[in-house]
């Protein structure tokens, strides 16, 4: 529910959302996004 709510907030307020959660198979990234600090730099914030 949190994931879907944040995606909707993004659509309404100007941000896009990536998801890292293998349980949500249709949404999740294929592998960990926590590879390097530079790679994570594409995200303005990270929600746990």
ModelCIF file with pLDDT and N, C-alpha, C, O atoms, coordinates in Angstrom:
data_MODEL
#
_entry.id   MODEL 
#
_entity.id                         1 
_entity.type                       polymer 
_entity.pdbx_number_of_molecules   1 
#
_entity_poly.entity_id                      1 
_entity_poly.type                           'polypeptide(L)' 
_entity_poly.nstd_linkage                   no 
_entity_poly.nstd_monomer                   no 
_entity_poly.pdbx_seq_one_letter_code       
;(UNK)(UNK)(UNK)(UNK)(UNK)(UNK)(UNK)(UNK)(UNK)(UNK)(UNK)(UNK)(UNK)(UNK)(UNK)(UNK)
(UNK)(UNK)(UNK)(UNK)(UNK)(UNK)(UNK)(UNK)(UNK)(UNK)(UNK)(UNK)(UNK)(UNK)(UNK)(UNK)
(UNK)(UNK)(UNK)(UNK)(UNK)(UNK)(UNK)(UNK)(UNK)(UNK)(UNK)(UNK)(UNK)(UNK)(UNK)(UNK)
;
_entity_poly.pdbx_seq_one_letter_code_can   XXXXXXXXXXXXXXXXXXXXXXXXXXXXXXXXXXXXXXXXXXXXXXXX 
_entity_poly.pdbx_strand_id                 A 
#
loop_
_entity_poly_seq.entity_id 
_entity_poly_seq.num 
_entity_poly_seq.mon_id 
_entity_poly_seq.hetero 
1 1  UNK n 
1 2  UNK n 
1 3  UNK n 
1 4  UNK n 
1 5  UNK n 
1 6  UNK n 
1 7  UNK n 
1 8  UNK n 
1 9  UNK n 
1 10 UNK n 
1 11 UNK n 
1 12 UNK n 
1 13 UNK n 
1 14 UNK n 
1 15 UNK n 
1 16 UNK n 
1 17 UNK n 
1 18 UNK n 
1 19 UNK n 
1 20 UNK n 
1 21 UNK n 
1 22 UNK n 
1 23 UNK n 
1 24 UNK n 
1 25 UNK n 
1 26 UNK n 
1 27 UNK n 
1 28 UNK n 
1 29 UNK n 
1 30 UNK n 
1 31 UNK n 
1 32 UNK n 
1 33 UNK n 
1 34 UNK n 
1 35 UNK n 
1 36 UNK n 
1 37 UNK n 
1 38 UNK n 
1 39 UNK n 
1 40 UNK n 
1 41 UNK n 
1 42 UNK n 
1 43 UNK n 
1 44 UNK n 
1 45 UNK n 
1 46 UNK n 
1 47 UNK n 
1 48 UNK n 
#
_struct_asym.id          A 
_struct_asym.entity_id   1 
#
loop_
_ma_qa_metric.id 
_ma_qa_metric.mode 
_ma_qa_metric.name 
_ma_qa_metric.software_group_id 
_ma_qa_metric.type 
1 global pLDDT . pLDDT 
2 local  pLDDT . pLDDT 
#
_ma_qa_metric_global.metric_id      1 
_ma_qa_metric_global.metric_value   97.69 
_ma_qa_metric_global.model_id       1 
_ma_qa_metric_global.ordinal_id     1 
#
loop_
_ma_qa_metric_local.label_asym_id 
_ma_qa_metric_local.label_comp_id 
_ma_qa_metric_local.label_seq_id 
_ma_qa_metric_local.metric_id 
_ma_qa_metric_local.metric_value 
_ma_qa_metric_local.model_id 
_ma_qa_metric_local.ordinal_id 
A UNK 1  2 98.00 1 1  
A UNK 2  2 98.00 1 2  
A UNK 3  2 98.00 1 3  
A UNK 4  2 98.00 1 4  
A UNK 5  2 98.00 1 5  
A UNK 6  2 98.00 1 6  
A UNK 7  2 98.00 1 7  
A UNK 8  2 98.00 1 8  
A UNK 9  2 98.00 1 9  
A UNK 10 2 98.00 1 10 
A UNK 11 2 97.00 1 11 
A UNK 12 2 97.00 1 12 
A UNK 13 2 97.00 1 13 
A UNK 14 2 96.00 1 14 
A UNK 15 2 98.00 1 15 
A UNK 16 2 98.00 1 16 
A UNK 17 2 98.00 1 17 
A UNK 18 2 98.00 1 18 
A UNK 19 2 98.00 1 19 
A UNK 20 2 98.00 1 20 
A UNK 21 2 98.00 1 21 
A UNK 22 2 96.00 1 22 
A UNK 23 2 97.00 1 23 
A UNK 24 2 97.00 1 24 
A UNK 25 2 97.00 1 25 
A UNK 26 2 97.00 1 26 
A UNK 27 2 97.00 1 27 
A UNK 28 2 97.00 1 28 
A UNK 29 2 98.00 1 29 
A UNK 30 2 97.00 1 30 
A UNK 31 2 97.00 1 31 
A UNK 32 2 98.00 1 32 
A UNK 33 2 98.00 1 33 
A UNK 34 2 98.00 1 34 
A UNK 35 2 98.00 1 35 
A UNK 36 2 98.00 1 36 
A UNK 37 2 98.00 1 37 
A UNK 38 2 98.00 1 38 
A UNK 39 2 98.00 1 39 
A UNK 40 2 98.00 1 40 
A UNK 41 2 98.00 1 41 
A UNK 42 2 98.00 1 42 
A UNK 43 2 98.00 1 43 
A UNK 44 2 98.00 1 44 
A UNK 45 2 98.00 1 45 
A UNK 46 2 98.00 1 46 
A UNK 47 2 98.00 1 47 
A UNK 48 2 98.00 1 48 
#
loop_
_atom_site.group_PDB 
_atom_site.id 
_atom_site.type_symbol 
_atom_site.label_atom_id 
_atom_site.label_alt_id 
_atom_site.label_comp_id 
_atom_site.label_asym_id 
_atom_site.label_entity_id 
_atom_site.label_seq_id 
_atom_site.pdbx_PDB_ins_code 
_atom_site.Cartn_x 
_atom_site.Cartn_y 
_atom_site.Cartn_z 
_atom_site.occupancy 
_atom_site.B_iso_or_equiv 
_atom_site.pdbx_formal_charge 
_atom_site.auth_seq_id 
_atom_site.auth_comp_id 
_atom_site.auth_asym_id 
_atom_site.auth_atom_id 
_atom_site.pdbx_PDB_model_num 
ATOM 1   N N  . UNK A 1 1  ? 0.832  -1.208  0.000   1.00 98.00 ? 1  UNK A N  1 
ATOM 2   C CA . UNK A 1 1  ? 0.000  0.000   0.000   1.00 98.00 ? 1  UNK A CA 1 
ATOM 3   C C  . UNK A 1 1  ? 0.865  1.256   0.000   1.00 98.00 ? 1  UNK A C  1 
ATOM 4   O O  . UNK A 1 1  ? 0.561  2.236   -0.680  1.00 98.00 ? 1  UNK A O  1 
ATOM 5   N N  . UNK A 1 2  ? 1.942  1.212   0.769   1.00 98.00 ? 2  UNK A N  1 
ATOM 6   C CA . UNK A 1 2  ? 2.863  2.349   0.804   1.00 98.00 ? 2  UNK A CA 1 
ATOM 7   C C  . UNK A 1 2  ? 3.458  2.595   -0.572  1.00 98.00 ? 2  UNK A C  1 
ATOM 8   O O  . UNK A 1 2  ? 3.494  3.728   -1.051  1.00 98.00 ? 2  UNK A O  1 
ATOM 9   N N  . UNK A 1 3  ? 3.922  1.531   -1.199  1.00 98.00 ? 3  UNK A N  1 
ATOM 10  C CA . UNK A 1 3  ? 4.540  1.656   -2.517  1.00 98.00 ? 3  UNK A CA 1 
ATOM 11  C C  . UNK A 1 3  ? 3.580  2.286   -3.512  1.00 98.00 ? 3  UNK A C  1 
ATOM 12  O O  . UNK A 1 3  ? 3.938  3.235   -4.210  1.00 98.00 ? 3  UNK A O  1 
ATOM 13  N N  . UNK A 1 4  ? 2.369  1.766   -3.578  1.00 98.00 ? 4  UNK A N  1 
ATOM 14  C CA . UNK A 1 4  ? 1.387  2.294   -4.527  1.00 98.00 ? 4  UNK A CA 1 
ATOM 15  C C  . UNK A 1 4  ? 1.014  3.738   -4.208  1.00 98.00 ? 4  UNK A C  1 
ATOM 16  O O  . UNK A 1 4  ? 0.802  4.547   -5.112  1.00 98.00 ? 4  UNK A O  1 
ATOM 17  N N  . UNK A 1 5  ? 0.935  4.057   -2.908  1.00 98.00 ? 5  UNK A N  1 
ATOM 18  C CA . UNK A 1 5  ? 0.594  5.428   -2.518  1.00 98.00 ? 5  UNK A CA 1 
ATOM 19  C C  . UNK A 1 5  ? 1.692  6.397   -2.918  1.00 98.00 ? 5  UNK A C  1 
ATOM 20  O O  . UNK A 1 5  ? 1.401  7.499   -3.384  1.00 98.00 ? 5  UNK A O  1 
ATOM 21  N N  . UNK A 1 6  ? 2.957  6.004   -2.743  1.00 98.00 ? 6  UNK A N  1 
ATOM 22  C CA . UNK A 1 6  ? 4.069  6.889   -3.106  1.00 98.00 ? 6  UNK A CA 1 
ATOM 23  C C  . UNK A 1 6  ? 4.136  7.063   -4.626  1.00 98.00 ? 6  UNK A C  1 
ATOM 24  O O  . UNK A 1 6  ? 4.429  8.155   -5.113  1.00 98.00 ? 6  UNK A O  1 
ATOM 25  N N  . UNK A 1 7  ? 3.866  5.995   -5.371  1.00 98.00 ? 7  UNK A N  1 
ATOM 26  C CA . UNK A 1 7  ? 3.823  6.119   -6.834  1.00 98.00 ? 7  UNK A CA 1 
ATOM 27  C C  . UNK A 1 7  ? 2.750  7.135   -7.242  1.00 98.00 ? 7  UNK A C  1 
ATOM 28  O O  . UNK A 1 7  ? 2.982  7.971   -8.116  1.00 98.00 ? 7  UNK A O  1 
ATOM 29  N N  . UNK A 1 8  ? 1.598  7.059   -6.617  1.00 98.00 ? 8  UNK A N  1 
ATOM 30  C CA . UNK A 1 8  ? 0.524  8.002   -6.934  1.00 98.00 ? 8  UNK A CA 1 
ATOM 31  C C  . UNK A 1 8  ? 0.903  9.425   -6.530  1.00 98.00 ? 8  UNK A C  1 
ATOM 32  O O  . UNK A 1 8  ? 0.630  10.371  -7.268  1.00 98.00 ? 8  UNK A O  1 
ATOM 33  N N  . UNK A 1 9  ? 1.535  9.584   -5.355  1.00 98.00 ? 9  UNK A N  1 
ATOM 34  C CA . UNK A 1 9  ? 1.985  10.909  -4.942  1.00 98.00 ? 9  UNK A CA 1 
ATOM 35  C C  . UNK A 1 9  ? 2.963  11.481  -5.969  1.00 98.00 ? 9  UNK A C  1 
ATOM 36  O O  . UNK A 1 9  ? 2.935  12.672  -6.281  1.00 98.00 ? 9  UNK A O  1 
ATOM 37  N N  . UNK A 1 10 ? 3.821  10.613  -6.484  1.00 98.00 ? 10 UNK A N  1 
ATOM 38  C CA . UNK A 1 10 ? 4.770  11.063  -7.487  1.00 98.00 ? 10 UNK A CA 1 
ATOM 39  C C  . UNK A 1 10 ? 4.088  11.548  -8.751  1.00 98.00 ? 10 UNK A C  1 
ATOM 40  O O  . UNK A 1 10 ? 4.482  12.561  -9.329  1.00 98.00 ? 10 UNK A O  1 
ATOM 41  N N  . UNK A 1 11 ? 3.067  10.826  -9.177  1.00 97.00 ? 11 UNK A N  1 
ATOM 42  C CA . UNK A 1 11 ? 2.329  11.234  -10.368 1.00 97.00 ? 11 UNK A CA 1 
ATOM 43  C C  . UNK A 1 11 ? 1.661  12.590  -10.168 1.00 97.00 ? 11 UNK A C  1 
ATOM 44  O O  . UNK A 1 11 ? 1.519  13.370  -11.110 1.00 97.00 ? 11 UNK A O  1 
ATOM 45  N N  . UNK A 1 12 ? 1.260  12.855  -8.953  1.00 97.00 ? 12 UNK A N  1 
ATOM 46  C CA . UNK A 1 12 ? 0.550  14.100  -8.654  1.00 97.00 ? 12 UNK A CA 1 
ATOM 47  C C  . UNK A 1 12 ? 1.486  15.264  -8.342  1.00 97.00 ? 12 UNK A C  1 
ATOM 48  O O  . UNK A 1 12 ? 1.097  16.425  -8.469  1.00 97.00 ? 12 UNK A O  1 
ATOM 49  N N  . UNK A 1 13 ? 2.725  14.956  -7.931  1.00 97.00 ? 13 UNK A N  1 
ATOM 50  C CA . UNK A 1 13 ? 3.594  16.016  -7.411  1.00 97.00 ? 13 UNK A CA 1 
ATOM 51  C C  . UNK A 1 13 ? 4.975  16.065  -8.066  1.00 97.00 ? 13 UNK A C  1 
ATOM 52  O O  . UNK A 1 13 ? 5.884  16.707  -7.538  1.00 97.00 ? 13 UNK A O  1 
ATOM 53  N N  . UNK A 1 14 ? 5.141  15.402  -9.196  1.00 96.00 ? 14 UNK A N  1 
ATOM 54  C CA . UNK A 1 14 ? 6.326  15.667  -9.989  1.00 96.00 ? 14 UNK A CA 1 
ATOM 55  C C  . UNK A 1 14 ? 7.545  14.810  -9.742  1.00 96.00 ? 14 UNK A C  1 
ATOM 56  O O  . UNK A 1 14 ? 8.663  15.248  -10.015 1.00 96.00 ? 14 UNK A O  1 
ATOM 57  N N  . UNK A 1 15 ? 7.368  13.596  -9.232  1.00 98.00 ? 15 UNK A N  1 
ATOM 58  C CA . UNK A 1 15 ? 8.524  12.708  -9.126  1.00 98.00 ? 15 UNK A CA 1 
ATOM 59  C C  . UNK A 1 15 ? 8.147  11.304  -9.592  1.00 98.00 ? 15 UNK A C  1 
ATOM 60  O O  . UNK A 1 15 ? 6.981  10.912  -9.559  1.00 98.00 ? 15 UNK A O  1 
ATOM 61  N N  . UNK A 1 16 ? 9.164  10.558  -10.027 1.00 98.00 ? 16 UNK A N  1 
ATOM 62  C CA . UNK A 1 16 ? 8.972  9.164   -10.426 1.00 98.00 ? 16 UNK A CA 1 
ATOM 63  C C  . UNK A 1 16 ? 9.542  8.257   -9.349  1.00 98.00 ? 16 UNK A C  1 
ATOM 64  O O  . UNK A 1 16 ? 10.340 8.689   -8.517  1.00 98.00 ? 16 UNK A O  1 
ATOM 65  N N  . UNK A 1 17 ? 9.129  6.999   -9.371  1.00 98.00 ? 17 UNK A N  1 
ATOM 66  C CA . UNK A 1 17 ? 9.468  6.072   -8.289  1.00 98.00 ? 17 UNK A CA 1 
ATOM 67  C C  . UNK A 1 17 ? 10.053 4.783   -8.845  1.00 98.00 ? 17 UNK A C  1 
ATOM 68  O O  . UNK A 1 17 ? 9.483  4.167   -9.745  1.00 98.00 ? 17 UNK A O  1 
ATOM 69  N N  . UNK A 1 18 ? 11.193 4.383   -8.300  1.00 98.00 ? 18 UNK A N  1 
ATOM 70  C CA . UNK A 1 18 ? 11.725 3.037   -8.484  1.00 98.00 ? 18 UNK A CA 1 
ATOM 71  C C  . UNK A 1 18 ? 11.466 2.250   -7.217  1.00 98.00 ? 18 UNK A C  1 
ATOM 72  O O  . UNK A 1 18 ? 11.388 2.818   -6.127  1.00 98.00 ? 18 UNK A O  1 
ATOM 73  N N  . UNK A 1 19 ? 11.332 0.940   -7.361  1.00 98.00 ? 19 UNK A N  1 
ATOM 74  C CA . UNK A 1 19 ? 11.003 0.074   -6.228  1.00 98.00 ? 19 UNK A CA 1 
ATOM 75  C C  . UNK A 1 19 ? 12.037 -1.041  -6.128  1.00 98.00 ? 19 UNK A C  1 
ATOM 76  O O  . UNK A 1 19 ? 12.397 -1.662  -7.128  1.00 98.00 ? 19 UNK A O  1 
ATOM 77  N N  . UNK A 1 20 ? 12.506 -1.284  -4.915  1.00 98.00 ? 20 UNK A N  1 
ATOM 78  C CA . UNK A 1 20 ? 13.347 -2.460  -4.661  1.00 98.00 ? 20 UNK A CA 1 
ATOM 79  C C  . UNK A 1 20 ? 12.642 -3.326  -3.636  1.00 98.00 ? 20 UNK A C  1 
ATOM 80  O O  . UNK A 1 20 ? 12.714 -3.075  -2.433  1.00 98.00 ? 20 UNK A O  1 
ATOM 81  N N  . UNK A 1 21 ? 11.963 -4.344  -4.128  1.00 98.00 ? 21 UNK A N  1 
ATOM 82  C CA . UNK A 1 21 ? 11.179 -5.241  -3.278  1.00 98.00 ? 21 UNK A CA 1 
ATOM 83  C C  . UNK A 1 21 ? 10.826 -6.484  -4.082  1.00 98.00 ? 21 UNK A C  1 
ATOM 84  O O  . UNK A 1 21 ? 9.831  -6.477  -4.806  1.00 98.00 ? 21 UNK A O  1 
ATOM 85  N N  . UNK A 1 22 ? 11.612 -7.553  -3.976  1.00 96.00 ? 22 UNK A N  1 
ATOM 86  C CA . UNK A 1 22 ? 11.382 -8.742  -4.789  1.00 96.00 ? 22 UNK A CA 1 
ATOM 87  C C  . UNK A 1 22 ? 9.980  -9.328  -4.677  1.00 96.00 ? 22 UNK A C  1 
ATOM 88  O O  . UNK A 1 22 ? 9.536  -10.032 -5.585  1.00 96.00 ? 22 UNK A O  1 
ATOM 89  N N  . UNK A 1 23 ? 9.274  -9.052  -3.581  1.00 97.00 ? 23 UNK A N  1 
ATOM 90  C CA . UNK A 1 23 ? 7.913  -9.581  -3.429  1.00 97.00 ? 23 UNK A CA 1 
ATOM 91  C C  . UNK A 1 23 ? 6.969  -8.907  -4.422  1.00 97.00 ? 23 UNK A C  1 
ATOM 92  O O  . UNK A 1 23 ? 6.034  -9.537  -4.916  1.00 97.00 ? 23 UNK A O  1 
ATOM 93  N N  . UNK A 1 24 ? 7.207  -7.645  -4.711  1.00 97.00 ? 24 UNK A N  1 
ATOM 94  C CA . UNK A 1 24 ? 6.367  -6.921  -5.670  1.00 97.00 ? 24 UNK A CA 1 
ATOM 95  C C  . UNK A 1 24 ? 6.971  -7.108  -7.069  1.00 97.00 ? 24 UNK A C  1 
ATOM 96  O O  . UNK A 1 24 ? 7.622  -6.215  -7.611  1.00 97.00 ? 24 UNK A O  1 
ATOM 97  N N  . UNK A 1 25 ? 6.737  -8.271  -7.618  1.00 97.00 ? 25 UNK A N  1 
ATOM 98  C CA . UNK A 1 25 ? 7.456  -8.721  -8.816  1.00 97.00 ? 25 UNK A CA 1 
ATOM 99  C C  . UNK A 1 25 ? 7.228  -7.833  -10.041 1.00 97.00 ? 25 UNK A C  1 
ATOM 100 O O  . UNK A 1 25 ? 8.109  -7.727  -10.894 1.00 97.00 ? 25 UNK A O  1 
ATOM 101 N N  . UNK A 1 26 ? 6.072  -7.204  -10.136 1.00 97.00 ? 26 UNK A N  1 
ATOM 102 C CA . UNK A 1 26 ? 5.794  -6.381  -11.317 1.00 97.00 ? 26 UNK A CA 1 
ATOM 103 C C  . UNK A 1 26 ? 6.384  -4.981  -11.204 1.00 97.00 ? 26 UNK A C  1 
ATOM 104 O O  . UNK A 1 26 ? 6.401  -4.231  -12.180 1.00 97.00 ? 26 UNK A O  1 
ATOM 105 N N  . UNK A 1 27 ? 6.863  -4.629  -10.020 1.00 97.00 ? 27 UNK A N  1 
ATOM 106 C CA . UNK A 1 27 ? 7.370  -3.275  -9.807  1.00 97.00 ? 27 UNK A CA 1 
ATOM 107 C C  . UNK A 1 27 ? 8.873  -3.222  -9.532  1.00 97.00 ? 27 UNK A C  1 
ATOM 108 O O  . UNK A 1 27 ? 9.524  -2.222  -9.831  1.00 97.00 ? 27 UNK A O  1 
ATOM 109 N N  . UNK A 1 28 ? 9.418  -4.287  -8.969  1.00 97.00 ? 28 UNK A N  1 
ATOM 110 C CA . UNK A 1 28 ? 10.769 -4.207  -8.440  1.00 97.00 ? 28 UNK A CA 1 
ATOM 111 C C  . UNK A 1 28 ? 11.843 -4.101  -9.504  1.00 97.00 ? 28 UNK A C  1 
ATOM 112 O O  . UNK A 1 28 ? 11.684 -4.596  -10.620 1.00 97.00 ? 28 UNK A O  1 
ATOM 113 N N  . UNK A 1 29 ? 12.944 -3.445  -9.143  1.00 98.00 ? 29 UNK A N  1 
ATOM 114 C CA . UNK A 1 29 ? 14.133 -3.461  -9.970  1.00 98.00 ? 29 UNK A CA 1 
ATOM 115 C C  . UNK A 1 29 ? 14.680 -4.884  -10.031 1.00 98.00 ? 29 UNK A C  1 
ATOM 116 O O  . UNK A 1 29 ? 14.467 -5.657  -9.096  1.00 98.00 ? 29 UNK A O  1 
ATOM 117 N N  . UNK A 1 30 ? 15.369 -5.245  -11.091 1.00 97.00 ? 30 UNK A N  1 
ATOM 118 C CA . UNK A 1 30 ? 15.838 -6.625  -11.225 1.00 97.00 ? 30 UNK A CA 1 
ATOM 119 C C  . UNK A 1 30 ? 16.956 -6.994  -10.256 1.00 97.00 ? 30 UNK A C  1 
ATOM 120 O O  . UNK A 1 30 ? 17.174 -8.175  -9.986  1.00 97.00 ? 30 UNK A O  1 
ATOM 121 N N  . UNK A 1 31 ? 17.669 -5.995  -9.729  1.00 97.00 ? 31 UNK A N  1 
ATOM 122 C CA . UNK A 1 31 ? 18.755 -6.271  -8.787  1.00 97.00 ? 31 UNK A CA 1 
ATOM 123 C C  . UNK A 1 31 ? 18.925 -5.077  -7.863  1.00 97.00 ? 31 UNK A C  1 
ATOM 124 O O  . UNK A 1 31 ? 18.306 -4.031  -8.061  1.00 97.00 ? 31 UNK A O  1 
ATOM 125 N N  . UNK A 1 32 ? 19.757 -5.241  -6.868  1.00 98.00 ? 32 UNK A N  1 
ATOM 126 C CA . UNK A 1 32 ? 19.925 -4.181  -5.877  1.00 98.00 ? 32 UNK A CA 1 
ATOM 127 C C  . UNK A 1 32 ? 20.348 -2.865  -6.516  1.00 98.00 ? 32 UNK A C  1 
ATOM 128 O O  . UNK A 1 32 ? 21.235 -2.852  -7.369  1.00 98.00 ? 32 UNK A O  1 
ATOM 129 N N  . UNK A 1 33 ? 19.730 -1.761  -6.117  1.00 98.00 ? 33 UNK A N  1 
ATOM 130 C CA . UNK A 1 33 ? 20.182 -0.447  -6.584  1.00 98.00 ? 33 UNK A CA 1 
ATOM 131 C C  . UNK A 1 33 ? 21.337 0.099   -5.737  1.00 98.00 ? 33 UNK A C  1 
ATOM 132 O O  . UNK A 1 33 ? 21.939 1.117   -6.080  1.00 98.00 ? 33 UNK A O  1 
ATOM 133 N N  . UNK A 1 34 ? 21.638 -0.583  -4.631  1.00 98.00 ? 34 UNK A N  1 
ATOM 134 C CA . UNK A 1 34 ? 22.677 -0.117  -3.708  1.00 98.00 ? 34 UNK A CA 1 
ATOM 135 C C  . UNK A 1 34 ? 24.045 -0.640  -4.163  1.00 98.00 ? 34 UNK A C  1 
ATOM 136 O O  . UNK A 1 34 ? 24.680 -1.435  -3.470  1.00 98.00 ? 34 UNK A O  1 
ATOM 137 N N  . UNK A 1 35 ? 24.476 -0.185  -5.323  1.00 98.00 ? 35 UNK A N  1 
ATOM 138 C CA . UNK A 1 35 ? 25.750 -0.641  -5.879  1.00 98.00 ? 35 UNK A CA 1 
ATOM 139 C C  . UNK A 1 35 ? 26.875 0.334   -5.545  1.00 98.00 ? 35 UNK A C  1 
ATOM 140 O O  . UNK A 1 35 ? 27.913 -0.066  -5.019  1.00 98.00 ? 35 UNK A O  1 
ATOM 141 N N  . UNK A 1 36 ? 26.668 1.604   -5.849  1.00 98.00 ? 36 UNK A N  1 
ATOM 142 C CA . UNK A 1 36 ? 27.642 2.651   -5.526  1.00 98.00 ? 36 UNK A CA 1 
ATOM 143 C C  . UNK A 1 36 ? 26.888 3.908   -5.110  1.00 98.00 ? 36 UNK A C  1 
ATOM 144 O O  . UNK A 1 36 ? 25.704 4.071   -5.407  1.00 98.00 ? 36 UNK A O  1 
ATOM 145 N N  . UNK A 1 37 ? 27.600 4.788   -4.420  1.00 98.00 ? 37 UNK A N  1 
ATOM 146 C CA . UNK A 1 37 ? 27.000 6.069   -4.046  1.00 98.00 ? 37 UNK A CA 1 
ATOM 147 C C  . UNK A 1 37 ? 26.610 6.860   -5.280  1.00 98.00 ? 37 UNK A C  1 
ATOM 148 O O  . UNK A 1 37 ? 25.584 7.540   -5.294  1.00 98.00 ? 37 UNK A O  1 
ATOM 149 N N  . UNK A 1 38 ? 27.433 6.768   -6.320  1.00 98.00 ? 38 UNK A N  1 
ATOM 150 C CA . UNK A 1 38 ? 27.161 7.498   -7.556  1.00 98.00 ? 38 UNK A CA 1 
ATOM 151 C C  . UNK A 1 38 ? 25.876 6.999   -8.208  1.00 98.00 ? 38 UNK A C  1 
ATOM 152 O O  . UNK A 1 38 ? 25.093 7.795   -8.727  1.00 98.00 ? 38 UNK A O  1 
ATOM 153 N N  . UNK A 1 39 ? 25.658 5.695   -8.184  1.00 98.00 ? 39 UNK A N  1 
ATOM 154 C CA . UNK A 1 39 ? 24.436 5.154   -8.767  1.00 98.00 ? 39 UNK A CA 1 
ATOM 155 C C  . UNK A 1 39 ? 23.210 5.581   -7.970  1.00 98.00 ? 39 UNK A C  1 
ATOM 156 O O  . UNK A 1 39 ? 22.176 5.916   -8.548  1.00 98.00 ? 39 UNK A O  1 
ATOM 157 N N  . UNK A 1 40 ? 23.323 5.571   -6.653  1.00 98.00 ? 40 UNK A N  1 
ATOM 158 C CA . UNK A 1 40 ? 22.201 6.017   -5.817  1.00 98.00 ? 40 UNK A CA 1 
ATOM 159 C C  . UNK A 1 40 ? 21.945 7.508   -5.982  1.00 98.00 ? 40 UNK A C  1 
ATOM 160 O O  . UNK A 1 40 ? 20.859 7.988   -5.656  1.00 98.00 ? 40 UNK A O  1 
ATOM 161 N N  . UNK A 1 41 ? 22.935 8.250   -6.487  1.00 98.00 ? 41 UNK A N  1 
ATOM 162 C CA . UNK A 1 41 ? 22.782 9.686   -6.654  1.00 98.00 ? 41 UNK A CA 1 
ATOM 163 C C  . UNK A 1 41 ? 21.685 10.093  -7.615  1.00 98.00 ? 41 UNK A C  1 
ATOM 164 O O  . UNK A 1 41 ? 21.318 11.267  -7.671  1.00 98.00 ? 41 UNK A O  1 
ATOM 165 N N  . UNK A 1 42 ? 21.151 9.139   -8.379  1.00 98.00 ? 42 UNK A N  1 
ATOM 166 C CA . UNK A 1 42 ? 20.027 9.459   -9.255  1.00 98.00 ? 42 UNK A CA 1 
ATOM 167 C C  . UNK A 1 42 ? 18.735 9.706   -8.468  1.00 98.00 ? 42 UNK A C  1 
ATOM 168 O O  . UNK A 1 42 ? 17.768 10.251  -9.000  1.00 98.00 ? 42 UNK A O  1 
ATOM 169 N N  . UNK A 1 43 ? 18.734 9.294   -7.182  1.00 98.00 ? 43 UNK A N  1 
ATOM 170 C CA . UNK A 1 43 ? 17.533 9.451   -6.348  1.00 98.00 ? 43 UNK A CA 1 
ATOM 171 C C  . UNK A 1 43 ? 17.670 10.662  -5.437  1.00 98.00 ? 43 UNK A C  1 
ATOM 172 O O  . UNK A 1 43 ? 18.684 10.833  -4.759  1.00 98.00 ? 43 UNK A O  1 
ATOM 173 N N  . UNK A 1 44 ? 16.642 11.499  -5.428  1.00 98.00 ? 44 UNK A N  1 
ATOM 174 C CA . UNK A 1 44 ? 16.634 12.655  -4.534  1.00 98.00 ? 44 UNK A CA 1 
ATOM 175 C C  . UNK A 1 44 ? 16.434 12.233  -3.091  1.00 98.00 ? 44 UNK A C  1 
ATOM 176 O O  . UNK A 1 44 ? 16.936 12.889  -2.178  1.00 98.00 ? 44 UNK A O  1 
ATOM 177 N N  . UNK A 1 45 ? 15.709 11.146  -2.874  1.00 98.00 ? 45 UNK A N  1 
ATOM 178 C CA . UNK A 1 45 ? 15.537 10.592  -1.530  1.00 98.00 ? 45 UNK A CA 1 
ATOM 179 C C  . UNK A 1 45 ? 15.204 9.110   -1.649  1.00 98.00 ? 45 UNK A C  1 
ATOM 180 O O  . UNK A 1 45 ? 14.734 8.641   -2.685  1.00 98.00 ? 45 UNK A O  1 
ATOM 181 N N  . UNK A 1 46 ? 15.460 8.383   -0.559  1.00 98.00 ? 46 UNK A N  1 
ATOM 182 C CA . UNK A 1 46 ? 15.203 6.936   -0.512  1.00 98.00 ? 46 UNK A CA 1 
ATOM 183 C C  . UNK A 1 46 ? 14.300 6.647   0.670   1.00 98.00 ? 46 UNK A C  1 
ATOM 184 O O  . UNK A 1 46 ? 14.618 7.004   1.804   1.00 98.00 ? 46 UNK A O  1 
ATOM 185 N N  . UNK A 1 47 ? 13.176 6.003   0.407   1.00 98.00 ? 47 UNK A N  1 
ATOM 186 C CA . UNK A 1 47 ? 12.169 5.723   1.426   1.00 98.00 ? 47 UNK A CA 1 
ATOM 187 C C  . UNK A 1 47 ? 12.239 4.259   1.842   1.00 98.00 ? 47 UNK A C  1 
ATOM 188 O O  . UNK A 1 47 ? 12.116 3.365   1.005   1.00 98.00 ? 47 UNK A O  1 
ATOM 189 N N  . UNK A 1 48 ? 12.437 4.015   3.137   1.00 98.00 ? 48 UNK A N  1 
ATOM 190 C CA . UNK A 1 48 ? 12.449 2.675   3.703   1.00 98.00 ? 48 UNK A CA 1 
ATOM 191 C C  . UNK A 1 48 ? 11.066 2.385   4.293   1.00 98.00 ? 48 UNK A C  1 
ATOM 192 O O  . UNK A 1 48 ? 10.840 1.301   4.831   1.00 98.00 ? 48 UNK A O  1 
#
